[in-house]
N, C-alpha and C. Protein backbone atom coordinates (compact mmCIF):
# COMPACT_ATOMS: atom_id res chain seq x y z
N MET A 1 6.08 -57.40 -23.74
CA MET A 1 4.68 -57.00 -23.86
C MET A 1 4.62 -55.49 -24.06
N ILE A 2 3.69 -55.06 -24.90
CA ILE A 2 3.57 -53.64 -25.22
C ILE A 2 2.69 -52.95 -24.17
N SER A 3 3.11 -51.75 -23.79
CA SER A 3 2.33 -51.02 -22.79
C SER A 3 1.11 -50.39 -23.45
N PRO A 4 0.04 -50.18 -22.68
CA PRO A 4 -1.16 -49.56 -23.25
C PRO A 4 -0.90 -48.17 -23.84
N LEU A 5 -0.03 -47.40 -23.22
CA LEU A 5 0.27 -46.06 -23.72
C LEU A 5 0.98 -46.13 -25.06
N THR A 6 1.93 -47.05 -25.21
CA THR A 6 2.63 -47.24 -26.48
C THR A 6 1.65 -47.69 -27.56
N TYR A 7 0.76 -48.58 -27.20
CA TYR A 7 -0.24 -49.05 -28.15
C TYR A 7 -1.10 -47.89 -28.65
N LEU A 8 -1.55 -47.04 -27.74
CA LEU A 8 -2.39 -45.90 -28.14
C LEU A 8 -1.62 -44.92 -29.01
N LYS A 9 -0.36 -44.67 -28.70
CA LYS A 9 0.45 -43.76 -29.52
C LYS A 9 0.65 -44.31 -30.93
N GLU A 10 0.94 -45.61 -31.02
CA GLU A 10 1.13 -46.22 -32.33
C GLU A 10 -0.18 -46.26 -33.12
N SER A 11 -1.28 -46.50 -32.43
CA SER A 11 -2.59 -46.50 -33.10
C SER A 11 -2.90 -45.13 -33.65
N LYS A 12 -2.60 -44.08 -32.89
CA LYS A 12 -2.82 -42.70 -33.34
C LYS A 12 -1.98 -42.42 -34.59
N LYS A 13 -0.71 -42.85 -34.61
CA LYS A 13 0.16 -42.65 -35.77
C LYS A 13 -0.43 -43.33 -37.01
N GLU A 14 -0.93 -44.55 -36.84
CA GLU A 14 -1.51 -45.28 -37.96
C GLU A 14 -2.79 -44.61 -38.46
N LEU A 15 -3.62 -44.14 -37.54
CA LEU A 15 -4.85 -43.47 -37.94
C LEU A 15 -4.58 -42.16 -38.67
N ASP A 16 -3.48 -41.51 -38.34
CA ASP A 16 -3.11 -40.28 -39.05
C ASP A 16 -2.73 -40.56 -40.50
N LYS A 17 -2.32 -41.78 -40.82
CA LYS A 17 -1.94 -42.16 -42.19
C LYS A 17 -3.15 -42.47 -43.07
N VAL A 18 -4.28 -42.71 -42.46
CA VAL A 18 -5.48 -43.12 -43.20
C VAL A 18 -6.00 -41.97 -44.05
N VAL A 19 -6.34 -42.28 -45.30
CA VAL A 19 -6.98 -41.30 -46.18
C VAL A 19 -8.48 -41.55 -46.09
N TRP A 20 -9.17 -40.69 -45.36
CA TRP A 20 -10.59 -40.87 -45.14
C TRP A 20 -11.38 -40.42 -46.36
N PRO A 21 -12.50 -41.08 -46.68
CA PRO A 21 -13.30 -40.68 -47.84
C PRO A 21 -13.99 -39.34 -47.58
N THR A 22 -14.24 -38.64 -48.66
CA THR A 22 -14.95 -37.37 -48.55
C THR A 22 -16.44 -37.63 -48.30
N LEU A 23 -17.15 -36.58 -47.95
CA LEU A 23 -18.59 -36.72 -47.73
C LEU A 23 -19.29 -37.15 -49.02
N LYS A 24 -18.84 -36.62 -50.16
CA LYS A 24 -19.43 -36.99 -51.45
C LYS A 24 -19.22 -38.47 -51.74
N GLN A 25 -18.00 -38.96 -51.51
CA GLN A 25 -17.71 -40.39 -51.75
C GLN A 25 -18.54 -41.27 -50.81
N THR A 26 -18.62 -40.87 -49.57
CA THR A 26 -19.37 -41.66 -48.59
C THR A 26 -20.85 -41.71 -48.97
N SER A 27 -21.41 -40.57 -49.36
CA SER A 27 -22.82 -40.52 -49.74
C SER A 27 -23.08 -41.38 -50.97
N ARG A 28 -22.20 -41.27 -51.97
CA ARG A 28 -22.39 -42.03 -53.21
C ARG A 28 -22.30 -43.53 -52.95
N LEU A 29 -21.30 -43.93 -52.19
CA LEU A 29 -21.13 -45.36 -51.93
C LEU A 29 -22.24 -45.91 -51.02
N THR A 30 -22.76 -45.07 -50.13
CA THR A 30 -23.89 -45.48 -49.31
C THR A 30 -25.11 -45.75 -50.19
N LEU A 31 -25.33 -44.89 -51.16
CA LEU A 31 -26.46 -45.09 -52.08
C LEU A 31 -26.26 -46.36 -52.92
N VAL A 32 -25.03 -46.64 -53.31
CA VAL A 32 -24.74 -47.86 -54.07
C VAL A 32 -25.07 -49.09 -53.23
N VAL A 33 -24.68 -49.07 -51.96
CA VAL A 33 -24.96 -50.20 -51.07
C VAL A 33 -26.47 -50.35 -50.87
N ILE A 34 -27.18 -49.25 -50.67
CA ILE A 34 -28.63 -49.32 -50.48
C ILE A 34 -29.30 -49.88 -51.75
N ALA A 35 -28.89 -49.38 -52.91
CA ALA A 35 -29.48 -49.85 -54.18
C ALA A 35 -29.20 -51.33 -54.39
N ALA A 36 -27.98 -51.76 -54.10
CA ALA A 36 -27.64 -53.17 -54.27
C ALA A 36 -28.45 -54.03 -53.29
N SER A 37 -28.63 -53.55 -52.08
CA SER A 37 -29.40 -54.30 -51.08
C SER A 37 -30.86 -54.43 -51.51
N VAL A 38 -31.42 -53.35 -52.03
CA VAL A 38 -32.81 -53.40 -52.51
C VAL A 38 -32.94 -54.34 -53.70
N ALA A 39 -31.98 -54.29 -54.61
CA ALA A 39 -32.02 -55.17 -55.78
C ALA A 39 -31.92 -56.64 -55.38
N VAL A 40 -31.02 -56.96 -54.49
CA VAL A 40 -30.87 -58.35 -54.04
C VAL A 40 -32.12 -58.78 -53.28
N GLY A 41 -32.66 -57.89 -52.45
CA GLY A 41 -33.89 -58.21 -51.71
C GLY A 41 -35.06 -58.47 -52.65
N ALA A 42 -35.18 -57.64 -53.69
CA ALA A 42 -36.26 -57.82 -54.66
C ALA A 42 -36.08 -59.14 -55.42
N TYR A 43 -34.85 -59.46 -55.77
CA TYR A 43 -34.57 -60.71 -56.48
C TYR A 43 -34.95 -61.91 -55.61
N ILE A 44 -34.55 -61.88 -54.36
CA ILE A 44 -34.86 -62.98 -53.44
C ILE A 44 -36.37 -63.08 -53.21
N ALA A 45 -37.04 -61.93 -53.07
CA ALA A 45 -38.49 -61.94 -52.88
C ALA A 45 -39.20 -62.52 -54.10
N GLY A 46 -38.74 -62.13 -55.30
CA GLY A 46 -39.33 -62.66 -56.53
C GLY A 46 -39.10 -64.15 -56.66
N LEU A 47 -37.90 -64.59 -56.36
CA LEU A 47 -37.59 -66.02 -56.42
C LEU A 47 -38.42 -66.78 -55.40
N ASP A 48 -38.59 -66.22 -54.22
CA ASP A 48 -39.41 -66.86 -53.19
C ASP A 48 -40.86 -66.98 -53.64
N ALA A 49 -41.39 -65.91 -54.22
CA ALA A 49 -42.77 -65.94 -54.70
C ALA A 49 -42.94 -66.98 -55.81
N LEU A 50 -41.99 -67.03 -56.73
CA LEU A 50 -42.05 -68.00 -57.82
C LEU A 50 -42.00 -69.43 -57.29
N LEU A 51 -41.08 -69.70 -56.39
CA LEU A 51 -40.96 -71.05 -55.84
C LEU A 51 -42.18 -71.42 -55.00
N THR A 52 -42.76 -70.44 -54.33
CA THR A 52 -43.98 -70.71 -53.55
C THR A 52 -45.12 -71.12 -54.48
N LYS A 53 -45.28 -70.39 -55.59
CA LYS A 53 -46.33 -70.73 -56.57
C LYS A 53 -46.10 -72.12 -57.16
N LEU A 54 -44.85 -72.42 -57.51
CA LEU A 54 -44.56 -73.74 -58.07
C LEU A 54 -44.83 -74.85 -57.05
N THR A 55 -44.46 -74.61 -55.82
CA THR A 55 -44.69 -75.61 -54.78
C THR A 55 -46.18 -75.82 -54.55
N GLU A 56 -46.95 -74.73 -54.56
CA GLU A 56 -48.39 -74.85 -54.38
C GLU A 56 -49.03 -75.66 -55.51
N LYS A 57 -48.54 -75.49 -56.75
CA LYS A 57 -49.09 -76.24 -57.88
C LYS A 57 -48.79 -77.73 -57.76
N PHE A 58 -47.59 -78.06 -57.28
CA PHE A 58 -47.25 -79.47 -57.13
C PHE A 58 -47.98 -80.13 -55.96
N ILE A 59 -48.28 -79.37 -54.93
CA ILE A 59 -48.98 -79.93 -53.76
C ILE A 59 -50.43 -80.22 -54.08
N ARG A 60 -51.06 -79.40 -54.90
CA ARG A 60 -52.48 -79.56 -55.22
C ARG A 60 -52.71 -80.66 -56.17
């Protein structure tokens, strides 16, 4: 079994190998995620509105 201290040392070594994104990359990718989320939300809202109208026509 691995000791907690060994685990923390190995975790630190692995984290030192990580290439972290720059602030510019993080900001750009955050905007991409927000834009994609808004687009998918708008698509789902439009589809919901369309299906609601169609359902209302068939019920009447």
